[in-house]
Amino acid sequence: MPIIDLRHMKKGQSGVITAITVGGELGRRIREMGLVPGTELTVQGRAPLYDPVAIRVLGGTLSLRNNEADHISVEVPG
């Protein structure tokens, strides 16, 4: 299965997080939201200018800016 950045996923597309590719404060914040390797997610939608992206994860909805989504690698069904 291909691995892409969360930023490049399309509305309705689902996948499993394989890696968080940033450290420091941003990496810590992403992990604290529950976005860790092995977590399933689905893209629910995007703002009109494609930033931010809304994702469904762990029974809730999160909104991430594209500069945050760039650091989340997701394995999607081919």
N, C-alpha and C. Protein backbone atom coordinates (compact mmCIF):
# COMPACT_ATOMS: atom_id res chain seq x y z
N MET A 1 0.83 -1.18 0.00
CA MET A 1 0.00 0.00 0.00
C MET A 1 0.89 1.25 0.00
N PRO A 2 0.47 2.25 -0.77
CA PRO A 2 1.28 3.48 -0.85
C PRO A 2 1.23 4.30 0.45
N ILE A 3 2.28 5.04 0.70
CA ILE A 3 2.36 5.92 1.86
C ILE A 3 2.46 7.36 1.34
N ILE A 4 1.53 8.21 1.81
CA ILE A 4 1.51 9.61 1.38
C ILE A 4 1.40 10.51 2.62
N ASP A 5 1.67 11.79 2.43
CA ASP A 5 1.49 12.76 3.50
C ASP A 5 0.00 13.01 3.67
N LEU A 6 -0.43 13.25 4.89
CA LEU A 6 -1.83 13.56 5.18
C LEU A 6 -2.31 14.73 4.33
N ARG A 7 -1.46 15.68 4.09
CA ARG A 7 -1.83 16.86 3.30
C ARG A 7 -2.36 16.49 1.91
N HIS A 8 -1.87 15.41 1.33
CA HIS A 8 -2.23 15.03 -0.03
C HIS A 8 -3.40 14.05 -0.11
N MET A 9 -4.00 13.70 1.01
CA MET A 9 -5.16 12.81 0.99
C MET A 9 -6.40 13.57 0.53
N LYS A 10 -7.32 12.85 -0.07
CA LYS A 10 -8.54 13.45 -0.58
C LYS A 10 -9.70 13.25 0.39
N LYS A 11 -10.73 14.06 0.25
CA LYS A 11 -11.91 13.95 1.10
C LYS A 11 -12.49 12.54 1.00
N GLY A 12 -12.78 11.94 2.15
CA GLY A 12 -13.33 10.59 2.20
C GLY A 12 -12.29 9.49 2.22
N GLN A 13 -11.05 9.83 1.97
CA GLN A 13 -9.97 8.84 1.94
C GLN A 13 -9.56 8.46 3.37
N SER A 14 -9.32 7.19 3.59
CA SER A 14 -8.92 6.69 4.91
C SER A 14 -7.54 6.06 4.84
N GLY A 15 -6.92 5.92 6.00
CA GLY A 15 -5.61 5.30 6.07
C GLY A 15 -5.16 5.13 7.50
N VAL A 16 -3.94 4.62 7.65
CA VAL A 16 -3.35 4.37 8.95
C VAL A 16 -2.03 5.14 9.02
N ILE A 17 -1.84 5.88 10.10
CA ILE A 17 -0.61 6.65 10.28
C ILE A 17 0.57 5.69 10.41
N THR A 18 1.63 5.96 9.64
CA THR A 18 2.84 5.12 9.71
C THR A 18 3.97 5.84 10.42
N ALA A 19 4.00 7.18 10.36
CA ALA A 19 5.10 7.92 10.99
C ALA A 19 4.73 9.39 11.18
N ILE A 20 5.32 9.97 12.22
CA ILE A 20 5.28 11.41 12.44
C ILE A 20 6.72 11.87 12.21
N THR A 21 6.92 12.71 11.21
CA THR A 21 8.28 13.02 10.77
C THR A 21 8.78 14.37 11.26
N VAL A 22 8.32 14.80 12.42
CA VAL A 22 8.80 16.05 13.00
C VAL A 22 8.97 15.84 14.50
N GLY A 23 9.95 16.50 15.06
CA GLY A 23 10.17 16.41 16.50
C GLY A 23 9.84 17.73 17.16
N GLY A 24 10.42 17.96 18.30
CA GLY A 24 10.24 19.22 19.00
C GLY A 24 8.82 19.45 19.44
N GLU A 25 8.47 20.72 19.61
CA GLU A 25 7.16 21.13 20.10
C GLU A 25 6.03 20.69 19.17
N LEU A 26 6.21 20.85 17.86
CA LEU A 26 5.16 20.46 16.91
C LEU A 26 4.93 18.96 16.95
N GLY A 27 5.98 18.18 16.96
CA GLY A 27 5.83 16.72 17.04
C GLY A 27 5.13 16.29 18.31
N ARG A 28 5.46 16.94 19.41
CA ARG A 28 4.82 16.62 20.69
C ARG A 28 3.33 16.95 20.64
N ARG A 29 2.97 18.13 20.08
CA ARG A 29 1.56 18.51 19.99
C ARG A 29 0.77 17.54 19.13
N ILE A 30 1.36 17.12 18.00
CA ILE A 30 0.67 16.17 17.11
C ILE A 30 0.42 14.86 17.85
N ARG A 31 1.42 14.36 18.56
CA ARG A 31 1.27 13.10 19.30
C ARG A 31 0.26 13.23 20.44
N GLU A 32 0.23 14.38 21.10
CA GLU A 32 -0.72 14.58 22.19
C GLU A 32 -2.17 14.59 21.71
N MET A 33 -2.39 14.90 20.44
CA MET A 33 -3.74 14.86 19.87
C MET A 33 -4.17 13.42 19.56
N GLY A 34 -3.28 12.46 19.80
CA GLY A 34 -3.60 11.06 19.52
C GLY A 34 -3.16 10.59 18.15
N LEU A 35 -2.45 11.42 17.43
CA LEU A 35 -1.98 11.06 16.09
C LEU A 35 -0.62 10.39 16.21
N VAL A 36 -0.66 9.08 16.39
CA VAL A 36 0.55 8.28 16.55
C VAL A 36 0.50 7.14 15.54
N PRO A 37 1.66 6.55 15.21
CA PRO A 37 1.66 5.43 14.27
C PRO A 37 0.70 4.33 14.70
N GLY A 38 -0.04 3.81 13.72
CA GLY A 38 -1.03 2.76 13.97
C GLY A 38 -2.45 3.28 14.11
N THR A 39 -2.61 4.59 14.19
CA THR A 39 -3.94 5.20 14.35
C THR A 39 -4.63 5.33 13.00
N GLU A 40 -5.89 4.90 12.93
CA GLU A 40 -6.68 5.03 11.71
C GLU A 40 -7.31 6.41 11.66
N LEU A 41 -7.42 6.96 10.44
CA LEU A 41 -8.06 8.26 10.27
C LEU A 41 -8.76 8.34 8.93
N THR A 42 -9.69 9.28 8.82
CA THR A 42 -10.41 9.54 7.58
C THR A 42 -10.48 11.05 7.38
N VAL A 43 -10.19 11.50 6.16
CA VAL A 43 -10.29 12.92 5.85
C VAL A 43 -11.77 13.25 5.66
N GLN A 44 -12.28 14.19 6.48
CA GLN A 44 -13.68 14.57 6.40
C GLN A 44 -13.92 15.72 5.44
N GLY A 45 -12.98 16.61 5.32
CA GLY A 45 -13.18 17.74 4.42
C GLY A 45 -12.03 18.72 4.50
N ARG A 46 -12.14 19.74 3.66
CA ARG A 46 -11.11 20.78 3.61
C ARG A 46 -11.80 22.12 3.49
N ALA A 47 -11.13 23.15 3.97
CA ALA A 47 -11.63 24.51 3.82
C ALA A 47 -11.57 24.88 2.34
N PRO A 48 -12.27 25.95 1.93
CA PRO A 48 -12.28 26.33 0.51
C PRO A 48 -10.90 26.51 -0.12
N LEU A 49 -9.92 26.99 0.63
CA LEU A 49 -8.58 27.14 0.07
C LEU A 49 -7.66 25.98 0.45
N TYR A 50 -8.28 24.84 0.83
CA TYR A 50 -7.59 23.58 1.16
C TYR A 50 -6.76 23.61 2.43
N ASP A 51 -6.91 24.65 3.24
CA ASP A 51 -6.19 24.72 4.51
C ASP A 51 -7.11 25.36 5.52
N PRO A 52 -7.51 24.69 6.58
CA PRO A 52 -7.00 23.43 7.12
C PRO A 52 -7.75 22.22 6.58
N VAL A 53 -7.33 21.05 7.05
CA VAL A 53 -7.97 19.79 6.72
C VAL A 53 -8.63 19.24 7.99
N ALA A 54 -9.86 18.74 7.84
CA ALA A 54 -10.58 18.14 8.97
C ALA A 54 -10.47 16.62 8.85
N ILE A 55 -10.06 15.98 9.95
CA ILE A 55 -9.94 14.52 9.94
C ILE A 55 -10.76 13.91 11.07
N ARG A 56 -11.26 12.74 10.82
CA ARG A 56 -11.99 11.96 11.82
C ARG A 56 -11.01 10.95 12.38
N VAL A 57 -10.79 11.00 13.70
CA VAL A 57 -9.83 10.11 14.33
C VAL A 57 -10.25 9.87 15.77
N LEU A 58 -10.14 8.63 16.23
CA LEU A 58 -10.43 8.26 17.61
C LEU A 58 -11.82 8.73 18.07
N GLY A 59 -12.80 8.67 17.17
CA GLY A 59 -14.17 9.02 17.52
C GLY A 59 -14.44 10.51 17.58
N GLY A 60 -13.48 11.33 17.17
CA GLY A 60 -13.67 12.78 17.17
C GLY A 60 -13.16 13.39 15.88
N THR A 61 -13.32 14.70 15.76
CA THR A 61 -12.86 15.41 14.58
C THR A 61 -11.78 16.40 14.98
N LEU A 62 -10.69 16.40 14.23
CA LEU A 62 -9.58 17.34 14.44
C LEU A 62 -9.39 18.16 13.18
N SER A 63 -8.92 19.36 13.35
CA SER A 63 -8.58 20.22 12.23
C SER A 63 -7.09 20.51 12.31
N LEU A 64 -6.39 20.26 11.20
CA LEU A 64 -4.94 20.48 11.15
C LEU A 64 -4.59 21.43 10.00
N ARG A 65 -3.65 22.31 10.25
CA ARG A 65 -3.13 23.14 9.17
C ARG A 65 -2.27 22.26 8.26
N ASN A 66 -2.12 22.68 7.02
CA ASN A 66 -1.32 21.91 6.07
C ASN A 66 0.13 21.77 6.52
N ASN A 67 0.69 22.80 7.17
CA ASN A 67 2.08 22.67 7.62
C ASN A 67 2.21 21.63 8.72
N GLU A 68 1.14 21.30 9.42
CA GLU A 68 1.15 20.20 10.39
C GLU A 68 0.92 18.86 9.69
N ALA A 69 -0.01 18.84 8.74
CA ALA A 69 -0.33 17.61 8.01
C ALA A 69 0.83 17.12 7.15
N ASP A 70 1.74 18.02 6.77
CA ASP A 70 2.92 17.64 5.98
C ASP A 70 3.80 16.63 6.71
N HIS A 71 3.75 16.60 8.04
CA HIS A 71 4.64 15.76 8.83
C HIS A 71 4.01 14.44 9.28
N ILE A 72 2.83 14.12 8.72
CA ILE A 72 2.14 12.89 9.09
C ILE A 72 2.06 11.99 7.87
N SER A 73 2.77 10.86 7.92
CA SER A 73 2.77 9.89 6.82
C SER A 73 1.66 8.87 7.06
N VAL A 74 0.88 8.61 6.01
CA VAL A 74 -0.28 7.72 6.13
C VAL A 74 -0.23 6.66 5.03
N GLU A 75 -0.48 5.42 5.44
CA GLU A 75 -0.58 4.31 4.49
C GLU A 75 -2.04 4.21 4.05
N VAL A 76 -2.26 4.35 2.74
CA VAL A 76 -3.62 4.33 2.19
C VAL A 76 -3.79 3.10 1.30
N PRO A 77 -5.03 2.57 1.23
CA PRO A 77 -5.26 1.43 0.35
C PRO A 77 -4.98 1.82 -1.11
N GLY A 78 -4.32 0.93 -1.80
CA GLY A 78 -3.95 1.19 -3.20
C GLY A 78 -5.08 0.98 -4.10
